[in-house]
Amino acid sequence: MSTPYYASFFVHDPREEAVTQYCGVIELARPARNQPGPRDLAVLLARNLDVDCDDVEVLQWGPVH
């Protein structure tokens, strides 16, 4: 079962020499009781966006109620 989260984060992309801000609802395929930490979320987002996890800066996140 997937769990929806609201996330707001920056992606520092050295290929474009720019910073892009994203925000919205994302779904993670893990139970809500195993809520990821900010670093876990940065790793997952980086993997999906094809950037290094150090280039993702999570500003705000939390489960959607």
N, C-alpha and C. Protein backbone atom coordinates (compact mmCIF):
# COMPACT_ATOMS: atom_id res chain seq x y z
N MET A 1 0.84 -1.18 0.00
CA MET A 1 0.00 0.00 0.00
C MET A 1 0.89 1.25 0.00
N SER A 2 0.58 2.20 -0.86
CA SER A 2 1.38 3.42 -0.92
C SER A 2 0.83 4.47 0.05
N THR A 3 1.71 5.35 0.47
CA THR A 3 1.36 6.42 1.40
C THR A 3 1.65 7.76 0.74
N PRO A 4 0.67 8.68 0.67
CA PRO A 4 0.93 9.99 0.07
C PRO A 4 1.64 10.92 1.06
N TYR A 5 2.59 11.67 0.54
CA TYR A 5 3.33 12.66 1.31
C TYR A 5 3.33 13.96 0.53
N TYR A 6 3.28 15.08 1.25
CA TYR A 6 3.52 16.37 0.63
C TYR A 6 5.01 16.64 0.77
N ALA A 7 5.63 17.09 -0.30
CA ALA A 7 7.07 17.39 -0.25
C ALA A 7 7.35 18.69 -0.99
N SER A 8 8.27 19.45 -0.44
CA SER A 8 8.79 20.65 -1.08
C SER A 8 10.31 20.55 -1.00
N PHE A 9 10.97 20.69 -2.16
CA PHE A 9 12.42 20.49 -2.17
C PHE A 9 13.07 21.23 -3.33
N PHE A 10 14.35 21.52 -3.17
CA PHE A 10 15.19 22.09 -4.22
C PHE A 10 16.03 20.99 -4.85
N VAL A 11 16.28 21.14 -6.14
CA VAL A 11 17.25 20.29 -6.83
C VAL A 11 18.32 21.22 -7.40
N HIS A 12 19.53 21.05 -6.93
CA HIS A 12 20.68 21.80 -7.43
C HIS A 12 21.29 20.96 -8.54
N ASP A 13 21.07 21.36 -9.78
CA ASP A 13 21.54 20.57 -10.92
C ASP A 13 22.77 21.23 -11.54
N PRO A 14 23.95 20.66 -11.31
CA PRO A 14 25.17 21.27 -11.84
C PRO A 14 25.23 21.26 -13.37
N ARG A 15 24.48 20.35 -14.01
CA ARG A 15 24.48 20.30 -15.48
C ARG A 15 23.84 21.55 -16.05
N GLU A 16 22.88 22.12 -15.33
CA GLU A 16 22.18 23.32 -15.80
C GLU A 16 22.61 24.57 -15.04
N GLU A 17 23.48 24.40 -14.04
CA GLU A 17 23.92 25.51 -13.19
C GLU A 17 22.72 26.29 -12.67
N ALA A 18 21.71 25.54 -12.21
CA ALA A 18 20.48 26.17 -11.73
C ALA A 18 19.92 25.40 -10.55
N VAL A 19 19.01 26.05 -9.86
CA VAL A 19 18.28 25.42 -8.76
C VAL A 19 16.81 25.44 -9.15
N THR A 20 16.16 24.29 -9.02
CA THR A 20 14.75 24.18 -9.34
C THR A 20 14.00 23.77 -8.08
N GLN A 21 12.88 24.42 -7.83
CA GLN A 21 12.06 24.06 -6.67
C GLN A 21 10.87 23.25 -7.14
N TYR A 22 10.61 22.16 -6.42
CA TYR A 22 9.47 21.30 -6.68
C TYR A 22 8.61 21.25 -5.42
N CYS A 23 7.31 21.11 -5.60
CA CYS A 23 6.43 20.87 -4.46
C CYS A 23 5.19 20.15 -4.96
N GLY A 24 4.66 19.30 -4.10
CA GLY A 24 3.47 18.56 -4.45
C GLY A 24 3.37 17.28 -3.67
N VAL A 25 2.41 16.47 -4.07
CA VAL A 25 2.17 15.19 -3.40
C VAL A 25 2.92 14.09 -4.13
N ILE A 26 3.64 13.29 -3.37
CA ILE A 26 4.32 12.12 -3.91
C ILE A 26 3.80 10.90 -3.15
N GLU A 27 3.89 9.74 -3.76
CA GLU A 27 3.46 8.51 -3.09
C GLU A 27 4.64 7.58 -2.94
N LEU A 28 4.80 7.07 -1.74
CA LEU A 28 5.86 6.12 -1.44
C LEU A 28 5.24 4.76 -1.16
N ALA A 29 5.83 3.73 -1.72
CA ALA A 29 5.32 2.37 -1.54
C ALA A 29 5.88 1.77 -0.26
N ARG A 30 5.49 2.34 0.87
CA ARG A 30 5.89 1.82 2.18
C ARG A 30 4.81 2.20 3.18
N PRO A 31 4.62 1.40 4.20
CA PRO A 31 3.60 1.71 5.20
C PRO A 31 3.88 3.03 5.92
N ALA A 32 2.84 3.71 6.34
CA ALA A 32 2.98 5.01 7.02
C ALA A 32 3.77 4.90 8.31
N ARG A 33 3.74 3.75 8.98
CA ARG A 33 4.47 3.62 10.25
C ARG A 33 5.98 3.63 10.04
N ASN A 34 6.43 3.41 8.81
CA ASN A 34 7.86 3.45 8.47
C ASN A 34 8.18 4.74 7.73
N GLN A 35 7.79 5.86 8.31
CA GLN A 35 7.99 7.16 7.67
C GLN A 35 9.48 7.40 7.44
N PRO A 36 9.85 7.74 6.21
CA PRO A 36 11.26 7.99 5.91
C PRO A 36 11.75 9.29 6.55
N GLY A 37 13.04 9.35 6.79
CA GLY A 37 13.66 10.58 7.26
C GLY A 37 13.98 11.47 6.07
N PRO A 38 14.41 12.71 6.31
CA PRO A 38 14.72 13.63 5.22
C PRO A 38 15.80 13.09 4.27
N ARG A 39 16.80 12.41 4.83
CA ARG A 39 17.87 11.86 3.99
C ARG A 39 17.34 10.73 3.11
N ASP A 40 16.48 9.87 3.68
CA ASP A 40 15.87 8.79 2.89
C ASP A 40 15.06 9.37 1.73
N LEU A 41 14.30 10.42 2.02
CA LEU A 41 13.49 11.05 0.99
C LEU A 41 14.38 11.68 -0.09
N ALA A 42 15.47 12.32 0.30
CA ALA A 42 16.39 12.92 -0.67
C ALA A 42 16.99 11.85 -1.58
N VAL A 43 17.33 10.70 -1.03
CA VAL A 43 17.90 9.61 -1.84
C VAL A 43 16.88 9.12 -2.85
N LEU A 44 15.63 8.91 -2.42
CA LEU A 44 14.58 8.44 -3.33
C LEU A 44 14.30 9.46 -4.43
N LEU A 45 14.20 10.73 -4.07
CA LEU A 45 13.95 11.77 -5.06
C LEU A 45 15.10 11.88 -6.05
N ALA A 46 16.33 11.83 -5.56
CA ALA A 46 17.50 11.93 -6.43
C ALA A 46 17.53 10.78 -7.43
N ARG A 47 17.22 9.61 -6.96
CA ARG A 47 17.20 8.43 -7.84
C ARG A 47 16.18 8.62 -8.96
N ASN A 48 15.01 9.14 -8.62
CA ASN A 48 13.96 9.35 -9.61
C ASN A 48 14.25 10.50 -10.56
N LEU A 49 15.00 11.50 -10.11
CA LEU A 49 15.31 12.66 -10.93
C LEU A 49 16.67 12.57 -11.61
N ASP A 50 17.38 11.47 -11.39
CA ASP A 50 18.69 11.22 -12.00
C ASP A 50 19.70 12.32 -11.64
N VAL A 51 19.76 12.64 -10.35
CA VAL A 51 20.77 13.57 -9.83
C VAL A 51 21.40 12.94 -8.60
N ASP A 52 22.48 13.52 -8.13
CA ASP A 52 23.13 13.03 -6.93
C ASP A 52 22.29 13.40 -5.71
N CYS A 53 22.24 12.52 -4.72
CA CYS A 53 21.40 12.80 -3.54
C CYS A 53 21.87 14.05 -2.79
N ASP A 54 23.13 14.43 -2.92
CA ASP A 54 23.61 15.66 -2.28
C ASP A 54 23.08 16.91 -2.98
N ASP A 55 22.51 16.73 -4.18
CA ASP A 55 21.95 17.86 -4.92
C ASP A 55 20.47 18.11 -4.59
N VAL A 56 19.89 17.26 -3.74
CA VAL A 56 18.49 17.42 -3.34
C VAL A 56 18.44 17.98 -1.92
N GLU A 57 17.73 19.07 -1.77
CA GLU A 57 17.57 19.71 -0.46
C GLU A 57 16.09 19.70 -0.08
N VAL A 58 15.72 18.84 0.84
CA VAL A 58 14.32 18.73 1.27
C VAL A 58 14.01 19.91 2.20
N LEU A 59 13.01 20.69 1.82
CA LEU A 59 12.62 21.86 2.60
C LEU A 59 11.52 21.52 3.60
N GLN A 60 10.55 20.75 3.14
CA GLN A 60 9.39 20.44 3.96
C GLN A 60 8.79 19.14 3.44
N TRP A 61 8.32 18.29 4.34
CA TRP A 61 7.64 17.06 3.92
C TRP A 61 6.86 16.49 5.09
N GLY A 62 5.87 15.70 4.77
CA GLY A 62 5.07 15.06 5.80
C GLY A 62 3.93 14.29 5.17
N PRO A 63 3.36 13.36 5.91
CA PRO A 63 2.26 12.56 5.38
C PRO A 63 1.01 13.42 5.15
N VAL A 64 0.27 13.09 4.11
CA VAL A 64 -0.99 13.76 3.82
C VAL A 64 -2.07 13.07 4.62
N HIS A 65 -2.87 13.84 5.33
CA HIS A 65 -3.93 13.25 6.17
C HIS A 65 -5.24 13.26 5.44
